[in-house]
């Protein structure tokens, strides 16, 4: 297993005054969201069918080959809030008291729904599990994963978007010790089978993820699925090919992401560093575009940081 740590920091967005430019950007965002929903509805007609579900069947991996490093920092306080049913994620907040499933709640926004189904919050339970005696955090995290597989594991219009699958698989692999180690056979088999199902679908749709950071995330998830699940060499090759193509398109000569969004810069760089370490652990050569992107993006990330270490907040 590869182990790594990273520094944390909570960024708060200062209130922004509405300007004509921001209004224009909002119109573009709303139009983009409408296009995404229309595309999802069209794709659901083909993907949310018995025949397509059967096409995703295949050999079940017998284990996770690798747990890649989780470089996003986790906080025990965040795990405690989630355990109490306070799901404060990007794009809104939901209270799911009494042990009710957050997946059954009405999402306040699509952004919140994408973050919920992306499972990036799973890292908080890993930190809580390591910090405390007992296995409360572990059991609760496993329950949430099992709930998701039961309710959304075959199809969900948001959860099965390419970029959301990519983020979820990355999160499940990076926190694999939390969600799979020491579990009983039925749960473990169900989890591995569902991971493989998601990976097969992602191999078909990663290239049609929305342009920009979402497509990089989808490509990353596909590459990680090839690294972390057995018999995944074809998915690894396909994911790396797509990733390298998108890095060439999206990382500018000065090392900045084409969006000029510091948060996107950090997120992509963290995933690239984790991928590099995972490839090295598997004794697989790191592609040149991945190495070059890391070398160019790191100095630009320093440029985006304030003196207190927090990221500048603009362009998203």
C-alpha atoms as a PDB file:
ATOM      1  CA  UNK A   1       0.000   0.000   0.000  1.00  0.00           C
ATOM      2  CA  UNK A   2       1.265   3.508  -0.738  1.00  0.00           C
ATOM      3  CA  UNK A   3       0.969   5.966   2.123  1.00  0.00           C
ATOM      4  CA  UNK A   4       1.028   9.753   1.941  1.00  0.00           C
ATOM      5  CA  UNK A   5      -0.066  12.814   3.873  1.00  0.00           C
ATOM      6  CA  UNK A   6      -0.927  16.359   2.879  1.00  0.00           C
ATOM      7  CA  UNK A   7      -1.496  19.623   4.621  1.00  0.00           C
ATOM      8  CA  UNK A   8      -5.021  20.903   5.059  1.00  0.00           C
ATOM      9  CA  UNK A   9      -6.692  24.276   4.994  1.00  0.00           C
ATOM     10  CA  UNK A  10     -10.307  25.394   4.819  1.00  0.00           C
ATOM     11  CA  UNK A  11     -10.944  28.129   2.288  1.00  0.00           C
ATOM     12  CA  UNK A  12     -13.898  30.462   2.721  1.00  0.00           C
ATOM     13  CA  UNK A  13     -15.222  32.456  -0.194  1.00  0.00           C
ATOM     14  CA  UNK A  14     -15.599  36.158   0.436  1.00  0.00           C
ATOM     15  CA  UNK A  15     -19.025  37.544  -0.527  1.00  0.00           C
ATOM     16  CA  UNK A  16     -18.931  38.731  -4.117  1.00  0.00           C
ATOM     17  CA  UNK A  17     -20.949  41.655  -5.438  1.00  0.00           C
ATOM     18  CA  UNK A  18     -23.060  40.847  -8.474  1.00  0.00           C
ATOM     19  CA  UNK A  19     -21.745  42.511 -11.628  1.00  0.00           C
ATOM     20  CA  UNK A  20     -22.841  42.309 -15.273  1.00  0.00           C
ATOM     21  CA  UNK A  21     -19.873  40.029 -15.942  1.00  0.00           C
ATOM     22  CA  UNK A  22     -20.822  37.665 -13.128  1.00  0.00           C
ATOM     23  CA  UNK A  23     -24.415  37.699 -14.355  1.00  0.00           C
ATOM     24  CA  UNK A  24     -23.172  36.684 -17.781  1.00  0.00           C
ATOM     25  CA  UNK A  25     -21.120  33.875 -16.300  1.00  0.00           C
ATOM     26  CA  UNK A  26     -24.157  32.716 -14.369  1.00  0.00           C
ATOM     27  CA  UNK A  27     -26.172  32.587 -17.590  1.00  0.00           C
ATOM     28  CA  UNK A  28     -23.456  30.464 -19.170  1.00  0.00           C
ATOM     29  CA  UNK A  29     -23.445  28.169 -16.118  1.00  0.00           C
ATOM     30  CA  UNK A  30     -27.233  27.775 -16.248  1.00  0.00           C
ATOM     31  CA  UNK A  31     -27.120  27.034 -19.960  1.00  0.00           C
ATOM     32  CA  UNK A  32     -24.386  24.473 -19.398  1.00  0.00           C
ATOM     33  CA  UNK A  33     -26.397  22.820 -16.622  1.00  0.00           C
ATOM     34  CA  UNK A  34     -29.445  22.633 -18.891  1.00  0.00           C
ATOM     35  CA  UNK A  35     -27.387  21.018 -21.647  1.00  0.00           C
ATOM     36  CA  UNK A  36     -25.952  18.529 -19.141  1.00  0.00           C
ATOM     37  CA  UNK A  37     -29.419  17.560 -17.894  1.00  0.00           C
ATOM     38  CA  UNK A  38     -30.699  17.126 -21.446  1.00  0.00           C
ATOM     39  CA  UNK A  39     -27.722  14.947 -22.336  1.00  0.00           C
ATOM     40  CA  UNK A  40     -28.159  12.885 -19.157  1.00  0.00           C
ATOM     41  CA  UNK A  41     -31.825  12.303 -19.990  1.00  0.00           C
ATOM     42  CA  UNK A  42     -30.913  11.158 -23.487  1.00  0.00           C
ATOM     43  CA  UNK A  43     -28.151   8.845 -22.292  1.00  0.00           C
ATOM     44  CA  UNK A  44     -30.385   7.392 -19.587  1.00  0.00           C
ATOM     45  CA  UNK A  45     -32.674   6.006 -22.276  1.00  0.00           C
ATOM     46  CA  UNK A  46     -29.878   3.730 -23.394  1.00  0.00           C
ATOM     47  CA  UNK A  47     -27.881   3.196 -20.215  1.00  0.00           C
ATOM     48  CA  UNK A  48     -30.737   2.705 -17.758  1.00  0.00           C
ATOM     49  CA  UNK A  49     -31.947  -0.486 -19.415  1.00  0.00           C
ATOM     50  CA  UNK A  50     -31.730  -4.169 -18.614  1.00  0.00           C
ATOM     51  CA  UNK A  51     -29.850  -4.889 -21.841  1.00  0.00           C
ATOM     52  CA  UNK A  52     -27.166  -2.314 -21.147  1.00  0.00           C
ATOM     53  CA  UNK A  53     -26.829  -3.495 -17.565  1.00  0.00           C
ATOM     54  CA  UNK A  54     -26.206  -7.006 -18.828  1.00  0.00           C
ATOM     55  CA  UNK A  55     -23.442  -5.687 -21.080  1.00  0.00           C
ATOM     56  CA  UNK A  56     -21.565  -4.466 -17.990  1.00  0.00           C
ATOM     57  CA  UNK A  57     -21.334  -7.960 -16.542  1.00  0.00           C
ATOM     58  CA  UNK A  58     -17.929  -9.582 -16.475  1.00  0.00           C
ATOM     59  CA  UNK A  59     -15.301 -11.235 -14.285  1.00  0.00           C
ATOM     60  CA  UNK A  60     -15.239 -10.055 -10.684  1.00  0.00           C
ATOM     61  CA  UNK A  61     -11.866  -8.872  -9.328  1.00  0.00           C
ATOM     62  CA  UNK A  62     -10.815 -10.976  -6.374  1.00  0.00           C
ATOM     63  CA  UNK A  63      -9.118  -8.107  -4.534  1.00  0.00           C
ATOM     64  CA  UNK A  64      -7.818  -4.562  -4.765  1.00  0.00           C
ATOM     65  CA  UNK A  65      -4.281  -4.671  -6.087  1.00  0.00           C
ATOM     66  CA  UNK A  66      -3.317  -1.281  -4.661  1.00  0.00           C
ATOM     67  CA  UNK A  67      -4.554   1.459  -2.353  1.00  0.00           C
ATOM     68  CA  UNK A  68      -3.249   4.691  -3.913  1.00  0.00           C
ATOM     69  CA  UNK A  69      -2.298   7.557  -1.595  1.00  0.00           C
ATOM     70  CA  UNK A  70      -5.107   9.822  -0.396  1.00  0.00           C
ATOM     71  CA  UNK A  71      -3.518  13.267  -0.643  1.00  0.00           C
ATOM     72  CA  UNK A  72      -6.633  15.265   0.202  1.00  0.00           C
ATOM     73  CA  UNK A  73      -6.580  16.025   3.929  1.00  0.00           C
ATOM     74  CA  UNK A  74      -9.300  14.632   6.160  1.00  0.00           C
ATOM     75  CA  UNK A  75     -10.674  16.028   9.426  1.00  0.00           C
ATOM     76  CA  UNK A  76     -12.204  14.163  12.340  1.00  0.00           C
ATOM     77  CA  UNK A  77     -14.554  17.115  12.939  1.00  0.00           C
ATOM     78  CA  UNK A  78     -15.946  16.695   9.427  1.00  0.00           C
ATOM     79  CA  UNK A  79     -16.446  12.964   9.999  1.00  0.00           C
ATOM     80  CA  UNK A  80     -18.292  13.736  13.232  1.00  0.00           C
ATOM     81  CA  UNK A  81     -20.610  16.180  11.447  1.00  0.00           C
ATOM     82  CA  UNK A  82     -21.392  13.628   8.729  1.00  0.00           C
ATOM     83  CA  UNK A  83     -21.975  10.919  11.334  1.00  0.00           C
ATOM     84  CA  UNK A  84     -24.536  13.216  12.975  1.00  0.00           C
ATOM     85  CA  UNK A  85     -26.308  13.658   9.652  1.00  0.00           C
ATOM     86  CA  UNK A  86     -25.037  17.152   8.820  1.00  0.00           C
ATOM     87  CA  UNK A  87     -24.085  16.830   5.157  1.00  0.00           C
ATOM     88  CA  UNK A  88     -22.580  20.242   4.452  1.00  0.00           C
ATOM     89  CA  UNK A  89     -21.010  19.773   1.025  1.00  0.00           C
ATOM     90  CA  UNK A  90     -20.198  22.107  -1.836  1.00  0.00           C
ATOM     91  CA  UNK A  91     -23.387  23.492  -3.286  1.00  0.00           C
ATOM     92  CA  UNK A  92     -25.590  23.222  -0.210  1.00  0.00           C
ATOM     93  CA  UNK A  93     -26.396  21.318   2.943  1.00  0.00           C
ATOM     94  CA  UNK A  94     -28.723  18.519   3.953  1.00  0.00           C
ATOM     95  CA  UNK A  95     -29.584  17.133   7.350  1.00  0.00           C
ATOM     96  CA  UNK A  96     -30.136  13.383   7.463  1.00  0.00           C
ATOM     97  CA  UNK A  97     -30.740  12.701  11.163  1.00  0.00           C
ATOM     98  CA  UNK A  98     -31.357   9.429  12.882  1.00  0.00           C
ATOM     99  CA  UNK A  99     -29.047   7.398  10.702  1.00  0.00           C
ATOM    100  CA  UNK A 100     -31.097   8.025   7.561  1.00  0.00           C
ATOM    101  CA  UNK A 101     -29.247   7.731   4.275  1.00  0.00           C
ATOM    102  CA  UNK A 102     -28.092  10.959   2.598  1.00  0.00           C
ATOM    103  CA  UNK A 103     -28.703   9.260  -0.742  1.00  0.00           C
ATOM    104  CA  UNK A 104     -32.438   9.301  -0.019  1.00  0.00           C
ATOM    105  CA  UNK A 105     -32.481  13.057   0.627  1.00  0.00           C
ATOM    106  CA  UNK A 106     -33.592  15.701  -1.849  1.00  0.00           C
ATOM    107  CA  UNK A 107     -30.363  17.339  -3.061  1.00  0.00           C
ATOM    108  CA  UNK A 108     -30.223  21.145  -2.754  1.00  0.00           C
ATOM    109  CA  UNK A 109     -28.209  21.427  -5.976  1.00  0.00           C
ATOM    110  CA  UNK A 110     -26.567  19.318  -8.668  1.00  0.00           C
ATOM    111  CA  UNK A 111     -23.161  20.364  -7.357  1.00  0.00           C
ATOM    112  CA  UNK A 112     -24.046  18.983  -3.921  1.00  0.00           C
ATOM    113  CA  UNK A 113     -25.349  15.788  -5.495  1.00  0.00           C
ATOM    114  CA  UNK A 114     -22.161  15.313  -7.523  1.00  0.00           C
ATOM    115  CA  UNK A 115     -20.004  15.745  -4.423  1.00  0.00           C
ATOM    116  CA  UNK A 116     -22.172  13.354  -2.412  1.00  0.00           C
ATOM    117  CA  UNK A 117     -21.988  10.640  -5.067  1.00  0.00           C
ATOM    118  CA  UNK A 118     -18.286  11.317  -5.637  1.00  0.00           C
ATOM    119  CA  UNK A 119     -17.449  10.139  -2.092  1.00  0.00           C
ATOM    120  CA  UNK A 120     -14.513  12.540  -1.699  1.00  0.00           C
ATOM    121  CA  UNK A 121     -15.754  13.013   1.896  1.00  0.00           C
ATOM    122  CA  UNK A 122     -14.837   9.389   2.643  1.00  0.00           C
ATOM    123  CA  UNK A 123     -11.330  10.537   3.615  1.00  0.00           C
ATOM    124  CA  UNK A 124     -12.714  12.156   6.763  1.00  0.00           C
ATOM    125  CA  UNK A 125     -13.818   8.747   8.048  1.00  0.00           C
ATOM    126  CA  UNK A 126     -10.383   7.295   7.290  1.00  0.00           C
ATOM    127  CA  UNK A 127      -8.779   9.972   9.472  1.00  0.00           C
ATOM    128  CA  UNK A 128     -11.385   9.461  12.205  1.00  0.00           C
ATOM    129  CA  UNK A 129     -10.864   5.703  12.114  1.00  0.00           C
ATOM    130  CA  UNK A 130      -7.108   6.133  12.487  1.00  0.00           C
ATOM    131  CA  UNK A 131      -7.479   8.673  15.301  1.00  0.00           C
ATOM    132  CA  UNK A 132      -9.940   6.789  17.509  1.00  0.00           C
ATOM    133  CA  UNK A 133     -10.071   3.389  19.115  1.00  0.00           C
ATOM    134  CA  UNK A 134     -12.908   1.173  17.954  1.00  0.00           C
ATOM    135  CA  UNK A 135     -14.411   0.803  14.510  1.00  0.00           C
ATOM    136  CA  UNK A 136     -17.421   3.144  14.561  1.00  0.00           C
ATOM    137  CA  UNK A 137     -16.110   5.273  11.686  1.00  0.00           C
ATOM    138  CA  UNK A 138     -15.203   2.188   9.667  1.00  0.00           C
ATOM    139  CA  UNK A 139     -18.587   0.534  10.121  1.00  0.00           C
ATOM    140  CA  UNK A 140     -20.471   3.721   9.268  1.00  0.00           C
ATOM    141  CA  UNK A 141     -18.387   4.300   6.124  1.00  0.00           C
ATOM    142  CA  UNK A 142     -18.992   0.721   5.008  1.00  0.00           C
ATOM    143  CA  UNK A 143     -22.718   1.150   5.640  1.00  0.00           C
ATOM    144  CA  UNK A 144     -22.784   4.241   3.423  1.00  0.00           C
ATOM    145  CA  UNK A 145     -20.966   2.419   0.623  1.00  0.00           C
ATOM    146  CA  UNK A 146     -23.354  -0.531   0.931  1.00  0.00           C
ATOM    147  CA  UNK A 147     -26.358   1.839   0.907  1.00  0.00           C
ATOM    148  CA  UNK A 148     -25.081   3.504  -2.254  1.00  0.00           C
ATOM    149  CA  UNK A 149     -24.564   0.195  -4.064  1.00  0.00           C
ATOM    150  CA  UNK A 150     -28.046  -0.937  -3.074  1.00  0.00           C
ATOM    151  CA  UNK A 151     -29.840   2.218  -4.222  1.00  0.00           C
ATOM    152  CA  UNK A 152     -27.634   3.723  -6.958  1.00  0.00           C
ATOM    153  CA  UNK A 153     -25.317   0.872  -7.931  1.00  0.00           C
ATOM    154  CA  UNK A 154     -27.076   0.096 -11.213  1.00  0.00           C
ATOM    155  CA  UNK A 155     -27.882   3.584 -12.472  1.00  0.00           C
ATOM    156  CA  UNK A 156     -28.448   7.159 -11.306  1.00  0.00           C
ATOM    157  CA  UNK A 157     -28.513  10.192 -13.630  1.00  0.00           C
ATOM    158  CA  UNK A 158     -25.984  12.159 -11.556  1.00  0.00           C
ATOM    159  CA  UNK A 159     -24.001   9.399  -9.849  1.00  0.00           C
ATOM    160  CA  UNK A 160     -23.204   7.720 -13.168  1.00  0.00           C
ATOM    161  CA  UNK A 161     -21.871  10.794 -14.914  1.00  0.00           C
ATOM    162  CA  UNK A 162     -18.327  10.011 -16.115  1.00  0.00           C
ATOM    163  CA  UNK A 163     -16.624  12.574 -13.892  1.00  0.00           C
ATOM    164  CA  UNK A 164     -18.623  11.476 -10.833  1.00  0.00           C
ATOM    165  CA  UNK A 165     -17.740   7.816 -11.412  1.00  0.00           C
ATOM    166  CA  UNK A 166     -14.118   8.863 -11.792  1.00  0.00           C
ATOM    167  CA  UNK A 167     -14.107  10.749  -8.490  1.00  0.00           C
ATOM    168  CA  UNK A 168     -15.970   7.949  -6.687  1.00  0.00           C
ATOM    169  CA  UNK A 169     -13.602   5.220  -7.870  1.00  0.00           C
ATOM    170  CA  UNK A 170     -10.566   7.318  -6.943  1.00  0.00           C
ATOM    171  CA  UNK A 171     -12.047   7.894  -3.481  1.00  0.00           C
ATOM    172  CA  UNK A 172     -12.972   4.235  -2.970  1.00  0.00           C
ATOM    173  CA  UNK A 173      -9.516   3.056  -4.039  1.00  0.00           C
ATOM    174  CA  UNK A 174      -7.659   5.633  -1.933  1.00  0.00           C
ATOM    175  CA  UNK A 175      -9.743   4.742   1.124  1.00  0.00           C
ATOM    176  CA  UNK A 176      -9.828   1.041   0.322  1.00  0.00           C
ATOM    177  CA  UNK A 177      -8.378  -0.007   3.657  1.00  0.00           C
ATOM    178  CA  UNK A 178     -11.349   1.664   5.349  1.00  0.00           C
ATOM    179  CA  UNK A 179     -14.137   0.251   3.204  1.00  0.00           C
ATOM    180  CA  UNK A 180     -12.927  -3.266   2.389  1.00  0.00           C
ATOM    181  CA  UNK A 181     -10.292  -4.545   4.831  1.00  0.00           C
ATOM    182  CA  UNK A 182     -11.674  -7.017   7.351  1.00  0.00           C
ATOM    183  CA  UNK A 183     -15.150  -7.155   5.810  1.00  0.00           C
ATOM    184  CA  UNK A 184     -17.299 -10.226   5.362  1.00  0.00           C
ATOM    185  CA  UNK A 185     -17.316 -12.080   2.069  1.00  0.00           C
ATOM    186  CA  UNK A 186     -20.735 -11.050   0.722  1.00  0.00           C
ATOM    187  CA  UNK A 187     -20.119  -7.325   1.208  1.00  0.00           C
ATOM    188  CA  UNK A 188     -16.590  -7.536  -0.196  1.00  0.00           C
ATOM    189  CA  UNK A 189     -17.752  -9.447  -3.275  1.00  0.00           C
ATOM    190  CA  UNK A 190     -20.604  -6.993  -3.857  1.00  0.00           C
ATOM    191  CA  UNK A 191     -18.229  -4.043  -3.578  1.00  0.00           C
ATOM    192  CA  UNK A 192     -15.616  -5.462  -5.946  1.00  0.00           C
ATOM    193  CA  UNK A 193     -18.255  -6.508  -8.469  1.00  0.00           C
ATOM    194  CA  UNK A 194     -19.790  -3.030  -8.439  1.00  0.00           C
ATOM    195  CA  UNK A 195     -16.398  -1.355  -8.807  1.00  0.00           C
ATOM    196  CA  UNK A 196     -15.746  -3.459 -11.896  1.00  0.00           C
ATOM    197  CA  UNK A 197     -19.186  -2.586 -13.269  1.00  0.00           C
ATOM    198  CA  UNK A 198     -18.527   1.133 -12.855  1.00  0.00           C
ATOM    199  CA  UNK A 199     -15.075   0.769 -14.423  1.00  0.00           C
ATOM    200  CA  UNK A 200     -16.488  -0.988 -17.494  1.00  0.00           C
ATOM    201  CA  UNK A 201     -19.034   1.756 -17.998  1.00  0.00           C
ATOM    202  CA  UNK A 202     -16.412   4.453 -17.445  1.00  0.00           C
ATOM    203  CA  UNK A 203     -14.207   2.889 -20.121  1.00  0.00           C
ATOM    204  CA  UNK A 204     -17.041   3.540 -22.582  1.00  0.00           C
ATOM    205  CA  UNK A 205     -17.970   7.084 -21.559  1.00  0.00           C
ATOM    206  CA  UNK A 206     -14.881   8.787 -20.097  1.00  0.00           C
ATOM    207  CA  UNK A 207     -14.091  10.456 -23.411  1.00  0.00           C
ATOM    208  CA  UNK A 208     -17.528  12.129 -23.538  1.00  0.00           C
ATOM    209  CA  UNK A 209     -17.297  13.676 -20.079  1.00  0.00           C
ATOM    210  CA  UNK A 210     -17.773  17.461 -20.137  1.00  0.00           C
ATOM    211  CA  UNK A 211     -14.683  19.242 -21.435  1.00  0.00           C
ATOM    212  CA  UNK A 212     -12.249  20.615 -18.878  1.00  0.00           C
ATOM    213  CA  UNK A 213     -11.540  19.318 -15.389  1.00  0.00           C
ATOM    214  CA  UNK A 214     -14.460  16.796 -15.481  1.00  0.00           C
ATOM    215  CA  UNK A 215     -12.881  14.942 -18.407  1.00  0.00           C
ATOM    216  CA  UNK A 216      -9.522  14.803 -16.634  1.00  0.00           C
ATOM    217  CA  UNK A 217     -11.256  13.384 -13.546  1.00  0.00           C
ATOM    218  CA  UNK A 218     -12.997  10.733 -15.654  1.00  0.00           C
ATOM    219  CA  UNK A 219      -9.696   9.768 -17.303  1.00  0.00           C
ATOM    220  CA  UNK A 220      -7.987   9.613 -13.905  1.00  0.00           C
ATOM    221  CA  UNK A 221     -10.696   7.336 -12.527  1.00  0.00           C
ATOM    222  CA  UNK A 222     -10.354   5.020 -15.509  1.00  0.00           C
ATOM    223  CA  UNK A 223      -6.572   4.864 -15.115  1.00  0.00           C
ATOM    224  CA  UNK A 224      -6.868   4.182 -11.382  1.00  0.00           C
ATOM    225  CA  UNK A 225      -9.384   1.403 -12.046  1.00  0.00           C
ATOM    226  CA  UNK A 226      -6.788  -0.259 -14.245  1.00  0.00           C
ATOM    227  CA  UNK A 227      -4.147   0.093 -11.550  1.00  0.00           C
ATOM    228  CA  UNK A 228      -6.196  -0.941  -8.541  1.00  0.00           C
ATOM    229  CA  UNK A 229      -8.383  -3.771  -9.859  1.00  0.00           C
ATOM    230  CA  UNK A 230      -6.982  -7.008 -11.207  1.00  0.00           C
ATOM    231  CA  UNK A 231      -6.933  -7.604 -14.982  1.00  0.00           C
ATOM    232  CA  UNK A 232      -7.156  -3.885 -15.632  1.00  0.00           C
ATOM    233  CA  UNK A 233      -4.276  -3.313 -18.050  1.00  0.00           C
ATOM    234  CA  UNK A 234      -6.569  -2.340 -20.951  1.00  0.00           C
ATOM    235  CA  UNK A 235      -8.424   0.222 -18.839  1.00  0.00           C
ATOM    236  CA  UNK A 236      -5.117   1.591 -17.565  1.00  0.00           C
ATOM    237  CA  UNK A 237      -3.810   2.063 -21.102  1.00  0.00           C
ATOM    238  CA  UNK A 238      -7.053   3.683 -22.257  1.00  0.00           C
ATOM    239  CA  UNK A 239      -7.252   5.952 -19.218  1.00  0.00           C
ATOM    240  CA  UNK A 240      -3.639   7.095 -19.522  1.00  0.00           C
ATOM    241  CA  UNK A 241      -4.054   7.784 -23.241  1.00  0.00           C
ATOM    242  CA  UNK A 242      -7.108   9.964 -22.615  1.00  0.00           C
ATOM    243  CA  UNK A 243      -5.461  11.658 -19.636  1.00  0.00           C
ATOM    244  CA  UNK A 244      -2.301  12.528 -21.564  1.00  0.00           C
ATOM    245  CA  UNK A 245      -4.379  13.937 -24.409  1.00  0.00           C
ATOM    246  CA  UNK A 246      -6.387  16.125 -22.039  1.00  0.00           C
ATOM    247  CA  UNK A 247      -3.299  17.314 -20.150  1.00  0.00           C
ATOM    248  CA  UNK A 248      -1.791  18.453 -23.442  1.00  0.00           C
ATOM    249  CA  UNK A 249      -5.009  20.336 -24.194  1.00  0.00           C
ATOM    250  CA  UNK A 250      -5.774  21.783 -20.778  1.00  0.00           C
ATOM    251  CA  UNK A 251      -2.461  22.556 -19.059  1.00  0.00           C
ATOM    252  CA  UNK A 252      -1.085  25.786 -20.481  1.00  0.00           C
ATOM    253  CA  UNK A 253       2.627  26.439 -21.130  1.00  0.00           C
ATOM    254  CA  UNK A 254       2.926  28.410 -17.874  1.00  0.00           C
ATOM    255  CA  UNK A 255       1.585  25.417 -15.905  1.00  0.00           C
ATOM    256  CA  UNK A 256      -1.859  26.828 -15.241  1.00  0.00           C
ATOM    257  CA  UNK A 257      -5.075  24.975 -15.960  1.00  0.00           C
ATOM    258  CA  UNK A 258      -7.031  26.442 -18.837  1.00  0.00           C
ATOM    259  CA  UNK A 259      -9.857  27.396 -16.439  1.00  0.00           C
ATOM    260  CA  UNK A 260      -7.492  29.577 -14.370  1.00  0.00           C
ATOM    261  CA  UNK A 261      -9.361  28.225 -11.346  1.00  0.00           C
ATOM    262  CA  UNK A 262      -6.951  27.670  -8.411  1.00  0.00           C
ATOM    263  CA  UNK A 263      -9.199  24.974  -6.918  1.00  0.00           C
ATOM    264  CA  UNK A 264      -9.144  23.038 -10.194  1.00  0.00           C
ATOM    265  CA  UNK A 265      -5.370  23.498 -10.310  1.00  0.00           C
ATOM    266  CA  UNK A 266      -4.993  21.957  -6.840  1.00  0.00           C
ATOM    267  CA  UNK A 267      -7.451  19.118  -7.441  1.00  0.00           C
ATOM    268  CA  UNK A 268      -5.859  18.030 -10.716  1.00  0.00           C
ATOM    269  CA  UNK A 269      -2.347  18.252  -9.279  1.00  0.00           C
ATOM    270  CA  UNK A 270      -3.260  16.140  -6.229  1.00  0.00           C
ATOM    271  CA  UNK A 271      -4.731  13.449  -8.482  1.00  0.00           C
ATOM    272  CA  UNK A 272      -1.657  13.509 -10.721  1.00  0.00           C
ATOM    273  CA  UNK A 273       0.680  13.142  -7.745  1.00  0.00           C
ATOM    274  CA  UNK A 274      -1.361  10.217  -6.428  1.00  0.00           C
ATOM    275  CA  UNK A 275      -1.375   8.612  -9.886  1.00  0.00           C
ATOM    276  CA  UNK A 276       2.378   9.064 -10.233  1.00  0.00           C
ATOM    277  CA  UNK A 277       2.985   7.393  -6.866  1.00  0.00           C
ATOM    278  CA  UNK A 278       0.590   4.555  -7.698  1.00  0.00           C
ATOM    279  CA  UNK A 279       2.265   3.910 -11.055  1.00  0.00           C
ATOM    280  CA  UNK A 280       5.648   3.912  -9.352  1.00  0.00           C
ATOM    281  CA  UNK A 281       4.395   1.457  -6.720  1.00  0.00           C
ATOM    282  CA  UNK A 282       3.251  -0.872  -9.517  1.00  0.00           C
ATOM    283  CA  UNK A 283       6.626  -0.387 -11.280  1.00  0.00           C
ATOM    284  CA  UNK A 284       4.941   1.120 -14.318  1.00  0.00           C
ATOM    285  CA  UNK A 285       6.606   3.977 -16.168  1.00  0.00           C
ATOM    286  CA  UNK A 286       4.995   7.358 -15.554  1.00  0.00           C
ATOM    287  CA  UNK A 287       3.991   8.858 -18.931  1.00  0.00           C
ATOM    288  CA  UNK A 288       5.898  11.944 -19.998  1.00  0.00           C
ATOM    289  CA  UNK A 289       2.810  14.209 -20.171  1.00  0.00           C
ATOM    290  CA  UNK A 290       1.970  13.300 -16.562  1.00  0.00           C
ATOM    291  CA  UNK A 291       5.498  14.107 -15.354  1.00  0.00           C
ATOM    292  CA  UNK A 292       5.586  17.312 -17.370  1.00  0.00           C
ATOM    293  CA  UNK A 293       2.193  18.448 -16.080  1.00  0.00           C
ATOM    294  CA  UNK A 294       3.279  17.912 -12.472  1.00  0.00           C
ATOM    295  CA  UNK A 295       6.533  19.811 -13.043  1.00  0.00           C
ATOM    296  CA  UNK A 296       4.722  22.771 -14.627  1.00  0.00           C
ATOM    297  CA  UNK A 297       1.638  22.876 -12.402  1.00  0.00           C
ATOM    298  CA  UNK A 298       3.479  22.866  -9.072  1.00  0.00           C
ATOM    299  CA  UNK A 299       5.096  26.330  -9.430  1.00  0.00           C
ATOM    300  CA  UNK A 300       1.807  27.794 -10.676  1.00  0.00           C
ATOM    301  CA  UNK A 301       0.007  26.432  -7.611  1.00  0.00           C
ATOM    302  CA  UNK A 302       2.494  28.306  -5.419  1.00  0.00           C
ATOM    303  CA  UNK A 303       1.639  31.452  -7.377  1.00  0.00           C
ATOM    304  CA  UNK A 304      -2.051  30.939  -6.559  1.00  0.00           C
ATOM    305  CA  UNK A 305      -1.398  30.714  -2.807  1.00  0.00           C
ATOM    306  CA  UNK A 306      -1.628  33.649  -0.413  1.00  0.00           C
ATOM    307  CA  UNK A 307       1.018  34.251   2.220  1.00  0.00           C
ATOM    308  CA  UNK A 308      -1.048  32.286   4.774  1.00  0.00           C
ATOM    309  CA  UNK A 309      -1.023  29.224   2.500  1.00  0.00           C
ATOM    310  CA  UNK A 310      -4.662  29.509   1.434  1.00  0.00           C
ATOM    311  CA  UNK A 311      -5.667  29.439  -2.208  1.00  0.00           C
ATOM    312  CA  UNK A 312      -6.753  32.531  -4.055  1.00  0.00           C
ATOM    313  CA  UNK A 313     -10.434  32.347  -4.966  1.00  0.00           C
ATOM    314  CA  UNK A 314     -11.478  33.365  -8.468  1.00  0.00           C
ATOM    315  CA  UNK A 315     -12.803  31.813 -11.697  1.00  0.00           C
ATOM    316  CA  UNK A 316     -15.005  29.363  -9.795  1.00  0.00           C
END
